[in-house]
Protein backbone atom coordinates (compact mmCIF):
# COMPACT_ATOMS: atom_id res chain seq x y z
CA MET A 1 44.81 -145.01 35.03
CA ALA A 2 44.46 -148.04 36.20
CA ALA A 3 44.18 -151.28 33.68
CA ALA A 4 41.12 -152.85 33.01
CA ARG A 5 40.54 -156.11 35.17
CA VAL A 6 40.38 -159.43 33.50
CA THR A 7 37.63 -161.42 33.94
CA GLY A 8 36.34 -164.71 32.61
CA GLY A 9 38.07 -168.10 31.68
CA VAL A 10 41.56 -166.81 32.13
CA PRO A 11 42.85 -169.70 34.92
CA THR A 12 43.24 -167.57 38.35
CA GLU A 13 46.99 -167.90 38.47
CA ALA A 14 47.13 -166.58 34.86
CA ARG A 15 44.88 -163.41 35.77
CA VAL A 16 47.38 -160.51 35.44
CA PRO A 17 46.10 -157.01 34.34
CA ARG A 18 45.22 -156.75 30.91
CA ILE A 19 46.72 -154.00 28.37
CA SER A 20 46.24 -153.64 24.67
CA ALA A 21 48.67 -154.63 22.48
CA MET A 22 49.21 -150.98 21.18
CA ARG A 23 50.03 -149.67 25.23
CA LEU A 24 52.01 -152.45 25.95
CA VAL A 25 54.14 -151.97 22.75
CA ILE A 26 54.05 -147.99 23.31
CA ALA A 27 55.19 -148.43 27.31
CA ALA A 28 58.09 -150.62 26.00
CA MET A 29 59.63 -147.69 23.99
CA PRO A 30 61.62 -144.93 25.21
CA SER A 31 59.41 -141.58 25.38
CA THR A 32 61.53 -139.82 22.78
CA ASP A 33 60.66 -142.59 20.07
CA VAL A 34 56.99 -142.13 20.71
CA LEU A 35 56.29 -139.24 18.00
CA SER A 36 52.92 -140.35 17.05
CA VAL A 37 50.58 -143.20 16.75
CA VAL A 38 48.65 -143.44 13.09
CA VAL A 39 45.99 -146.21 12.35
CA CYS A 40 43.70 -146.26 9.36
CA VAL A 41 41.11 -148.64 10.28
CA HIS A 42 38.56 -149.84 7.10
CA LEU A 43 35.69 -151.99 8.61
CA PRO A 44 34.32 -154.05 5.41
CA ILE A 45 30.75 -153.38 4.71
CA GLY A 46 30.08 -156.83 3.20
CA GLY A 47 31.42 -160.51 3.90
CA ARG A 48 30.66 -163.93 4.30
CA ALA A 49 28.35 -165.11 7.17
CA PRO A 50 30.65 -166.32 9.81
CA TYR A 51 28.48 -169.41 10.75
CA LEU A 52 28.96 -171.32 7.35
CA ARG A 53 31.50 -174.11 7.05
CA GLN A 54 30.00 -176.29 4.27
CA PRO A 55 30.76 -175.08 0.71
CA ALA A 56 26.94 -175.84 -0.07
CA ASP A 57 25.99 -173.81 3.30
CA ARG A 58 28.23 -171.17 2.14
CA GLN A 59 26.67 -170.94 -1.29
CA ALA A 60 22.83 -171.34 -0.19
CA ARG A 61 23.23 -168.37 2.42
CA SER A 62 25.34 -165.91 0.59
CA ARG A 63 22.44 -164.25 -1.11
CA GLY A 64 22.27 -161.38 1.53
CA ALA A 65 21.35 -163.60 4.52
CA GLY A 66 24.93 -163.24 6.11
CA THR A 67 25.82 -160.82 8.60
CA PRO A 68 29.04 -159.08 8.15
CA SER A 69 31.85 -160.54 10.60
CA GLY A 70 31.76 -158.27 13.79
CA ALA A 71 28.37 -156.69 12.90
CA VAL A 72 25.31 -156.81 15.11
CA ARG A 73 21.93 -157.73 13.42
CA GLY A 74 20.12 -154.88 12.57
CA ARG A 75 22.64 -152.06 12.77
CA ARG A 76 23.78 -150.61 9.42
CA PRO A 77 27.61 -151.68 9.05
CA ALA A 78 30.22 -148.84 10.01
CA ARG A 79 31.33 -147.13 7.09
CA PRO A 80 35.55 -147.22 6.53
CA ALA A 81 36.81 -144.25 7.94
CA PRO A 82 39.03 -141.57 6.08
CA CYS A 83 42.73 -141.89 6.53
CA GLY A 84 43.18 -138.65 8.35
CA ALA A 85 40.50 -139.31 10.78
CA PRO A 86 40.87 -142.85 11.72
CA SER A 87 38.09 -145.16 13.70
CA GLY A 88 39.38 -145.88 16.74
CA VAL A 89 41.68 -143.17 17.69
CA ARG A 90 40.82 -140.54 19.36
CA GLU A 91 41.89 -136.94 19.15
CA ASP A 92 44.59 -137.24 21.67
CA GLY A 93 46.18 -140.28 20.09
CA ARG A 94 44.89 -142.70 22.40
CA VAL A 95 43.25 -146.15 20.91
CA THR A 96 40.36 -146.78 21.96
CA THR A 97 38.46 -150.08 21.47
CA LEU A 98 36.38 -150.68 18.36
CA HIS A 99 34.47 -154.07 19.66
CA ASP A 100 32.17 -154.83 22.60
CA PRO A 101 34.50 -157.02 24.74
CA THR A 102 31.37 -158.24 26.58
CA VAL A 103 30.47 -160.33 23.18
CA ARG A 104 31.08 -163.99 23.72
CA GLY A 105 30.63 -166.84 21.10
CA PHE A 106 31.33 -170.64 20.46
CA ALA A 107 32.36 -170.07 16.91
CA SER A 108 36.35 -170.87 17.09
CA ASP A 109 39.06 -170.88 19.38
CA ASN A 110 40.28 -168.23 16.81
CA TYR A 111 37.60 -165.83 17.90
CA ALA A 112 39.35 -165.47 21.22
CA GLY A 113 41.50 -162.76 22.28
CA VAL A 114 45.22 -162.58 23.21
CA HIS A 115 46.29 -164.40 26.64
CA PRO A 116 47.64 -161.27 28.70
CA GLU A 117 50.65 -163.53 29.48
CA VAL A 118 51.30 -163.16 25.75
CA LEU A 119 50.73 -159.48 25.41
CA ALA A 120 53.25 -158.92 28.35
CA ALA A 121 56.03 -161.36 26.39
CA LEU A 122 55.30 -159.63 23.26
CA ALA A 123 56.13 -155.83 25.38
CA ALA A 124 59.40 -157.51 26.87
CA ALA A 125 60.51 -158.42 23.56
CA ASN A 126 59.87 -154.73 21.85
CA GLY A 127 63.09 -152.98 23.49
CA GLY A 128 65.84 -152.18 21.40
CA HIS A 129 66.98 -153.97 18.03
CA GLN A 130 67.43 -157.69 17.46
CA THR A 131 68.85 -158.91 14.49
CA ALA A 132 65.90 -159.72 11.63
CA TYR A 133 64.54 -163.15 9.98
CA GLY A 134 65.45 -165.56 13.13
CA ALA A 135 68.84 -164.67 14.09
CA ASP A 136 67.73 -163.44 17.44
CA ALA A 137 67.88 -164.65 20.79
CA TYR A 138 64.09 -165.38 21.06
CA THR A 139 64.15 -167.96 18.16
CA ALA A 140 67.33 -169.09 19.59
CA ARG A 141 65.73 -169.80 22.76
CA LEU A 142 62.70 -171.19 20.94
CA GLN A 143 64.88 -174.08 19.75
CA ASP A 144 65.99 -175.08 22.94
CA VAL A 145 62.46 -175.08 24.71
CA LEU A 146 60.77 -177.04 21.71
CA SER A 147 63.85 -179.38 21.99
CA GLY A 148 62.87 -180.48 25.32
CA HIS A 149 59.35 -180.80 24.57
CA PHE A 150 59.97 -182.80 21.94
CA GLY A 151 63.35 -184.17 22.10
CA ALA A 152 66.70 -182.79 20.93
CA PRO A 153 67.75 -181.89 18.21
CA VAL A 154 64.46 -180.34 16.69
CA GLU A 155 64.65 -177.63 13.99
CA VAL A 156 61.77 -175.10 14.70
CA LEU A 157 60.64 -172.67 11.96
CA PRO A 158 58.36 -170.12 13.20
CA VAL A 159 55.39 -169.21 10.67
CA PHE A 160 52.56 -166.80 10.41
CA ASN A 161 49.50 -169.35 10.33
CA GLY A 162 48.50 -172.93 10.28
CA THR A 163 47.86 -173.57 6.51
CA GLY A 164 51.58 -171.62 6.23
CA ALA A 165 52.61 -174.60 8.57
CA ASN A 166 50.85 -177.26 6.81
CA VAL A 167 51.66 -176.39 3.39
CA LEU A 168 55.43 -175.62 4.09
CA SER A 169 55.94 -178.84 6.24
CA LEU A 170 54.29 -181.21 3.21
CA GLN A 171 56.31 -179.30 0.41
CA SER A 172 59.42 -180.20 2.42
CA MET A 173 58.07 -183.75 2.41
CA VAL A 174 57.60 -185.05 -1.05
CA PRO A 175 58.91 -184.24 -4.40
CA ARG A 176 57.00 -182.57 -6.96
CA TRP A 177 55.33 -185.56 -8.27
CA GLY A 178 54.24 -186.78 -4.71
CA ALA A 179 51.28 -187.03 -2.96
CA VAL A 180 49.83 -186.99 0.73
CA ILE A 181 47.63 -189.40 2.11
CA CYS A 182 44.57 -187.68 4.69
CA ALA A 183 41.09 -187.84 5.88
CA GLU A 184 38.56 -186.53 3.67
CA SER A 185 37.57 -184.26 6.79
CA ALA A 186 41.28 -182.90 7.54
CA HIS A 187 41.41 -179.48 7.74
CA ILE A 188 44.21 -179.51 4.44
CA ASN A 189 41.53 -180.88 2.46
CA THR A 190 38.52 -178.86 3.71
CA ASP A 191 39.97 -175.45 4.76
CA GLU A 192 42.91 -174.59 3.17
CA ASN A 193 41.39 -173.22 0.05
CA GLY A 194 43.67 -175.74 -2.03
CA ALA A 195 46.63 -174.05 -0.70
CA PRO A 196 48.59 -177.92 -0.32
CA GLU A 197 47.95 -178.44 -4.22
CA ARG A 198 48.25 -175.17 -5.48
CA VAL A 199 51.20 -173.55 -3.60
CA GLY A 200 52.53 -176.69 -2.26
CA GLY A 201 52.32 -178.30 -5.86
CA LEU A 202 51.41 -181.87 -4.00
CA LYS A 203 48.29 -184.06 -4.77
CA LEU A 204 46.10 -184.89 -1.90
CA LEU A 205 44.53 -188.52 -1.58
CA THR A 206 41.95 -188.51 0.57
CA VAL A 207 40.02 -191.36 2.74
CA PRO A 208 36.75 -191.13 4.18
CA THR A 209 36.82 -191.59 8.14
CA PRO A 210 33.98 -192.32 10.15
CA ASP A 211 35.67 -190.25 12.85
CA GLY A 212 38.19 -188.14 11.04
CA LYS A 213 40.92 -190.40 12.42
CA LEU A 214 42.92 -192.38 9.76
CA THR A 215 44.19 -196.23 10.44
CA PRO A 216 46.47 -198.65 8.92
CA GLU A 217 43.72 -200.01 6.86
CA LEU A 218 42.58 -196.69 5.86
CA VAL A 219 45.80 -195.65 4.69
CA ASP A 220 45.97 -198.38 2.26
CA ARG A 221 43.05 -197.50 0.31
CA GLN A 222 45.24 -194.84 -1.19
CA ALA A 223 48.93 -196.23 -0.62
CA TRP A 224 49.07 -198.18 -4.01
CA GLY A 225 50.30 -197.37 -7.45
CA PHE A 226 54.08 -197.25 -6.35
CA GLY A 227 56.36 -196.87 -9.25
CA ASP A 228 53.34 -195.90 -11.56
CA GLU A 229 54.24 -192.78 -13.71
CA HIS A 230 50.81 -192.27 -14.24
CA ARG A 231 50.08 -191.72 -10.24
CA ALA A 232 50.87 -188.96 -8.08
CA GLN A 233 53.39 -191.10 -5.65
CA PRO A 234 52.22 -191.65 -2.10
CA GLY A 235 54.61 -190.07 -0.16
CA VAL A 236 53.55 -188.79 3.46
CA VAL A 237 50.36 -189.83 5.55
CA SER A 238 49.10 -186.44 7.36
CA ILE A 239 46.90 -186.89 10.30
CA THR A 240 45.28 -184.02 12.62
CA GLN A 241 45.31 -183.95 16.51
CA SER A 242 42.85 -183.37 17.68
CA THR A 243 40.72 -183.80 14.31
CA GLU A 244 38.36 -181.67 12.71
CA VAL A 245 35.27 -183.48 14.03
CA GLY A 246 36.67 -183.33 17.53
CA THR A 247 38.05 -186.58 18.42
CA VAL A 248 41.58 -187.24 19.86
CA TYR A 249 44.28 -189.98 18.72
CA SER A 250 45.57 -191.97 21.34
CA VAL A 251 49.29 -192.88 21.59
CA ALA A 252 48.60 -196.17 20.42
CA GLU A 253 46.50 -195.17 17.29
CA ILE A 254 49.27 -192.86 16.52
CA ARG A 255 51.80 -195.65 16.57
CA ALA A 256 49.96 -197.85 14.50
CA VAL A 257 49.64 -195.15 11.75
CA THR A 258 53.41 -194.38 11.83
CA GLU A 259 54.67 -197.75 11.91
CA HIS A 260 52.58 -198.89 8.99
CA ALA A 261 53.28 -195.58 6.83
CA HIS A 262 56.96 -196.26 7.68
CA ALA A 263 56.69 -199.89 6.60
CA LEU A 264 55.17 -198.47 3.32
CA GLY A 265 58.18 -195.89 2.77
CA LEU A 266 56.06 -193.08 3.73
CA ARG A 267 56.72 -189.98 6.29
CA VAL A 268 53.99 -189.15 8.66
CA HIS A 269 53.02 -185.42 8.94
CA MET A 270 50.83 -183.97 11.68
CA ASP A 271 48.57 -181.28 11.73
CA GLY A 272 49.01 -180.26 15.34
CA SER A 273 47.05 -176.72 15.31
CA ARG A 274 44.95 -178.37 18.84
CA LEU A 275 47.93 -180.77 19.85
CA SER A 276 48.17 -179.20 23.33
CA ASN A 277 44.13 -179.70 23.50
CA ALA A 278 45.08 -183.40 22.78
CA ALA A 279 47.76 -184.07 25.11
CA ALA A 280 45.88 -182.00 27.97
CA ALA A 281 43.12 -184.43 27.04
CA LEU A 282 44.83 -187.41 27.55
CA ASP A 283 47.32 -185.94 30.37
CA VAL A 284 50.54 -186.99 28.21
CA PRO A 285 53.53 -184.79 27.35
CA LEU A 286 53.66 -183.43 24.08
CA ARG A 287 56.59 -186.01 23.03
CA ALA A 288 54.25 -188.87 23.94
CA LEU A 289 52.05 -187.75 20.65
CA THR A 290 54.54 -186.81 18.32
CA THR A 291 58.49 -188.01 18.49
CA ASP A 292 57.83 -190.98 20.79
CA ALA A 293 54.84 -192.15 18.34
CA GLY A 294 56.81 -192.00 15.31
CA VAL A 295 55.63 -188.73 13.77
CA ASP A 296 58.30 -187.13 11.23
CA VAL A 297 57.25 -183.43 11.13
CA LEU A 298 54.91 -181.36 13.20
CA SER A 299 52.76 -178.23 12.49
CA LEU A 300 52.58 -176.73 15.89
CA GLY A 301 49.49 -174.69 16.65
CA GLY A 302 49.48 -171.85 18.94
CA THR A 303 47.09 -169.00 17.53
CA LYS A 304 43.89 -171.15 18.79
CA ASN A 305 45.56 -171.41 22.22
CA GLY A 306 45.58 -168.02 22.99
CA LEU A 307 48.62 -166.32 20.78
CA LEU A 308 48.35 -163.25 18.72
CA GLY A 309 49.35 -165.06 15.61
CA ALA A 310 52.71 -167.51 15.42
CA GLU A 311 52.48 -171.19 14.58
CA ALA A 312 55.67 -173.45 13.64
CA VAL A 313 56.74 -176.13 11.61
CA VAL A 314 59.00 -178.60 14.08
CA VAL A 315 61.14 -181.37 12.20
CA LEU A 316 61.30 -184.28 14.83
CA ASP A 317 63.21 -186.31 12.07
CA PRO A 318 65.87 -184.28 10.06
CA THR A 319 65.92 -186.92 7.30
CA ALA A 320 62.31 -186.70 6.76
CA SER A 321 62.33 -182.88 5.14
CA SER A 322 64.54 -180.65 3.08
CA GLY A 323 64.72 -177.40 1.89
CA LEU A 324 62.76 -175.65 4.74
CA THR A 325 64.57 -172.47 5.01
CA TYR A 326 64.21 -171.96 1.41
CA LEU A 327 60.97 -173.18 1.05
CA ARG A 328 59.57 -170.73 4.06
CA LYS A 329 60.72 -167.74 2.08
CA VAL A 330 59.38 -168.72 -1.14
CA ASP A 331 55.98 -169.83 0.69
CA MET A 332 56.02 -166.17 1.97
CA GLN A 333 56.14 -167.34 5.53
CA LEU A 334 59.45 -165.80 6.56
CA SER A 335 58.96 -162.88 9.05
CA SER A 336 61.43 -160.43 9.18
CA LYS A 337 60.45 -159.33 12.88
CA MET A 338 60.45 -163.07 14.02
CA ARG A 339 61.42 -162.53 17.57
CA PHE A 340 57.88 -161.42 18.03
CA MET A 341 56.78 -164.48 16.70
CA SER A 342 59.19 -166.91 18.80
CA ALA A 343 58.50 -164.52 21.79
CA GLN A 344 54.62 -165.63 21.68
CA LEU A 345 55.73 -169.21 21.25
CA LEU A 346 58.08 -168.90 24.32
CA ALA A 347 55.23 -167.34 26.47
CA LEU A 348 53.09 -170.69 25.47
CA PHE A 349 55.47 -173.12 25.88
CA ASP A 350 58.35 -172.31 28.07
CA GLY A 351 56.22 -173.29 31.01
CA ASP A 352 52.69 -174.31 31.30
CA LEU A 353 50.85 -171.88 29.61
CA TRP A 354 50.03 -174.11 26.92
CA LEU A 355 48.68 -176.86 29.33
CA ARG A 356 46.85 -174.30 31.44
CA SER A 357 45.06 -172.86 28.27
CA ALA A 358 44.28 -176.02 26.84
CA ARG A 359 43.08 -177.65 30.10
CA HIS A 360 40.77 -175.24 30.71
CA ALA A 361 39.09 -174.99 26.92
CA ASN A 362 38.61 -178.61 27.23
CA ALA A 363 37.26 -178.10 30.50
CA MET A 364 34.67 -175.74 29.32
CA ALA A 365 33.64 -178.19 26.51
CA MET A 366 32.81 -180.76 28.84
CA ARG A 367 31.01 -178.18 30.94
CA LEU A 368 28.75 -177.23 28.11
CA TYR A 369 28.25 -180.85 27.11
CA GLU A 370 27.07 -181.76 30.34
CA ALA A 371 24.52 -178.43 30.35
CA VAL A 372 22.99 -179.30 26.76
CA ARG A 373 22.91 -183.08 26.72
CA GLU A 374 19.43 -183.73 28.91
CA ILE A 375 17.86 -180.65 27.10
CA PRO A 376 14.74 -181.93 25.35
CA GLY A 377 15.50 -181.58 21.31
CA VAL A 378 19.04 -181.22 21.55
CA THR A 379 21.18 -184.46 20.70
CA VAL A 380 24.65 -184.23 21.23
CA THR A 381 26.57 -186.20 18.65
CA ASN A 382 29.73 -187.41 20.66
CA VAL A 383 31.03 -186.82 24.08
CA PRO A 384 33.83 -183.93 23.67
CA GLN A 385 37.27 -185.37 23.59
CA ALA A 386 39.36 -181.97 23.43
CA ASN A 387 37.45 -178.57 23.05
CA ALA A 388 34.71 -179.07 20.72
CA VAL A 389 30.92 -180.04 20.95
CA PHE A 390 29.01 -180.98 18.49
CA ALA A 391 25.18 -181.12 18.44
CA VAL A 392 22.23 -181.51 16.43
CA LEU A 393 19.62 -178.90 17.05
CA PRO A 394 15.86 -178.40 15.96
CA PRO A 395 14.91 -176.38 13.02
CA GLY A 396 15.16 -172.89 13.48
CA VAL A 397 16.89 -172.80 17.05
CA ALA A 398 20.27 -171.78 15.48
CA ASP A 399 19.34 -168.54 13.85
CA ARG A 400 17.58 -167.51 16.78
CA LEU A 401 20.43 -167.84 18.97
CA ARG A 402 23.17 -166.44 16.55
CA PRO A 403 22.48 -162.67 17.54
CA ARG A 404 23.81 -163.58 21.04
CA PHE A 405 25.99 -166.46 20.49
CA ARG A 406 27.96 -166.98 17.46
CA PHE A 407 28.75 -170.69 16.18
CA TYR A 408 29.02 -172.63 12.91
CA ASP A 409 26.50 -174.99 11.16
CA TRP A 410 28.59 -178.09 10.54
CA ASN A 411 25.83 -180.14 8.78
CA GLN A 412 23.20 -177.98 7.65
CA ALA A 413 21.24 -180.83 6.29
CA THR A 414 21.26 -182.77 9.60
CA GLY A 415 21.04 -179.56 11.73
CA GLU A 416 24.59 -180.30 13.19
CA VAL A 417 26.45 -177.16 14.59
CA ARG A 418 29.86 -176.69 16.53
CA TRP A 419 30.71 -175.26 19.66
CA MET A 420 34.48 -174.15 20.59
CA CYS A 421 35.46 -173.28 23.66
CA ALA A 422 38.85 -171.52 24.08
CA PHE A 423 41.16 -170.37 26.76
CA ASP A 424 39.22 -167.55 27.92
CA THR A 425 35.45 -169.02 27.82
CA SER A 426 34.19 -168.54 31.32
CA GLU A 427 31.77 -170.90 33.39
CA ASP A 428 29.52 -168.20 32.92
CA ASP A 429 29.42 -167.87 29.06
CA VAL A 430 28.79 -171.42 29.00
CA ASP A 431 25.88 -171.41 31.69
CA ALA A 432 24.33 -168.51 29.85
CA PHE A 433 24.67 -170.04 26.44
CA ALA A 434 22.88 -173.26 27.74
CA ASP A 435 20.46 -171.47 29.39
CA ALA A 436 19.53 -169.77 26.02
CA ILE A 437 19.66 -173.10 24.01
CA ALA A 438 17.29 -174.50 26.70
CA GLN A 439 14.78 -171.60 26.33
CA GLU A 440 15.02 -171.58 22.30
CA THR A 441 14.40 -174.96 22.38
CA ALA A 442 11.33 -175.03 24.31
CA LEU A 443 9.66 -172.80 22.21
CA VAL A 444 10.05 -175.28 19.45
CA ALA A 445 8.76 -178.27 21.97
């Protein structure tokens, strides 16, 4: 059977036949090993509304107003399938699709699928046996590849997710009495459910910022009380690139923060969940924003840029971190079959896929900005610097758009929303969304 043709926002040179992850894995196995495929799928009947970002928004909308993630308004949510007859698996054992792949959205780059080149890399890594827990050829190769990007020698530890990368990085950089200075809007403060403090055992010292970025002057607001046994001791400054509000630090801005932090005896951590988008926007190599700018430890993102699920802790200065291998196990971030995590990261960074995908996502965000900024009633709050667009919509418009296009409320009080573009966002996706915004806004006028 011919593979489905890939369409949409994948760069032309990257278009290869799209094959499901399950079919790729099965194809890579000897036929004698493929005995059966049993999948038990349980679809949640309840769930939080997928468009709420602020805690107040979530609470206000939790009283039955939300649509279960993946559900379509007006339809009854699917019941969990009995294990003997799993939903999505036909009687002949072939896996079918449980969602409509033509439905697109702008809620998050995490909503996107997996890049076809990454799926192919996973299939290639699947044959035979490799030593578990990171002692495999793919993880060894990853050390060399990322050392080429960031400067040798670096220590690379693949982990499952961004929160895990952040907690593990920070936990290895500060003692039990240590604290981390960060922007109030930082992901570690707003979207990790207290994990840095609960799991990492550290204190976050937050600073309000106008644009999500720290400066030496803003760092000084929390860099005090050294030697005071009654106050958590500042030990690390954490910056996010690109920030939660879509802004991008320049090389000079990062260097100003790192030099000031180091002068105070503090280390610098970067949450680089969207580092690829920032580097693409500034047209600089990854090293320019990290090693060369004085960053000590990096949480390197991949899932938001087309991976199935893999991030990495990258230690740029070995004196800034200790105990990582032990902490990774304690923090439940040690994968037994690590070759599959490393294979994903290799697909992204052992070549230019990271850059192609990030450039495309950024370009689609700029296209969306250009398409909506002149629509009467729509106020775009900032020119996109990476792959995010923030705008204020007239009352009621967002709710009317969401049955067709998912996206998040960013500030419900002001009507501000966030639109994210991904590696697979197409020009047609953007144009259709912009047309829908114009139509719904015209009804208000």
